[in-house]
């Protein structure tokens, strides 16, 4: 029976159903082995373990499996680190833009208050000195208009800054084309193969793109804003405001979470391999 009780994942191929590995390893472990093209090797190991023959061959096959799992884990960790750097870059620029925006709002609010006070003084002074009510009213209206202008303009004028990302991980997810300079082949296969956890067997990449659309990350479908945001988020970069940077940051974090699933599954298989190794050593 499998050595660990982990979430049940439906098998995707007949080889998973019929192979020796299903007798000793959990569905999650078998599924990630299939995704990494390691399933034949895992079946071979399971057969050797069951036959209790050729200890050296068992150790050789197990070591080969563990080495490839460790390599895949390093690839995942490296990609997650890249995504984290991109998240922090977007977050830092977003904070800076928000600070500039807040400073502008405070400055113009203070200026509008000062203008309002000066207008009141001027209106009262003109009225007392000349008795010309019309002039005072004109000054009051003009001053009020300036007060409104300075008091509200900062709230409707967004601060923007150029933000470049020529190495854009989101672009490949959106376009669905494999580019090895962005994603190692193993990780790309994990993201684009039918997902056993999904009832409709959609890939993680398909679910991610659908989520972005349904959450309105890109704007109203078919709108000019949607086209502009697609060009910005999935291109080499451009002029961003704080809201655009927040959206990019959130999308990168969602992508990172999906890739972390692969890390968890790799750990599951590696742990089960080590548990079975320890059990054999205890029996010996």
Foldseek 3Di string as FASTA:
>chain_A
DEPDDDDAFDDDDVCLVPALLVVYHGNLLLVLCVLQVNNVLSSVLSVCVVVVPDPVVNVVSLVVVLVSLVVVLVQLVVLLVVLVVLLVVLVVVLVVQVVVLVVQLVVLLVVLVVLLVVLVVVLVVCCVPPVDNVVSVVSNVVSNVSSVCSNCVSVVDGDKDWDFAQLALVQCLQVVDDDCVNHPPSLSSQQQFQGRVDPVSGGVSVVLNVVCVVVCLQHDPPDPSNVVLCCARNHGHTMDTSSSSVSNSVSSVSVSVSSVVSSVSSVSNSVSSVVVVVVVVVVD
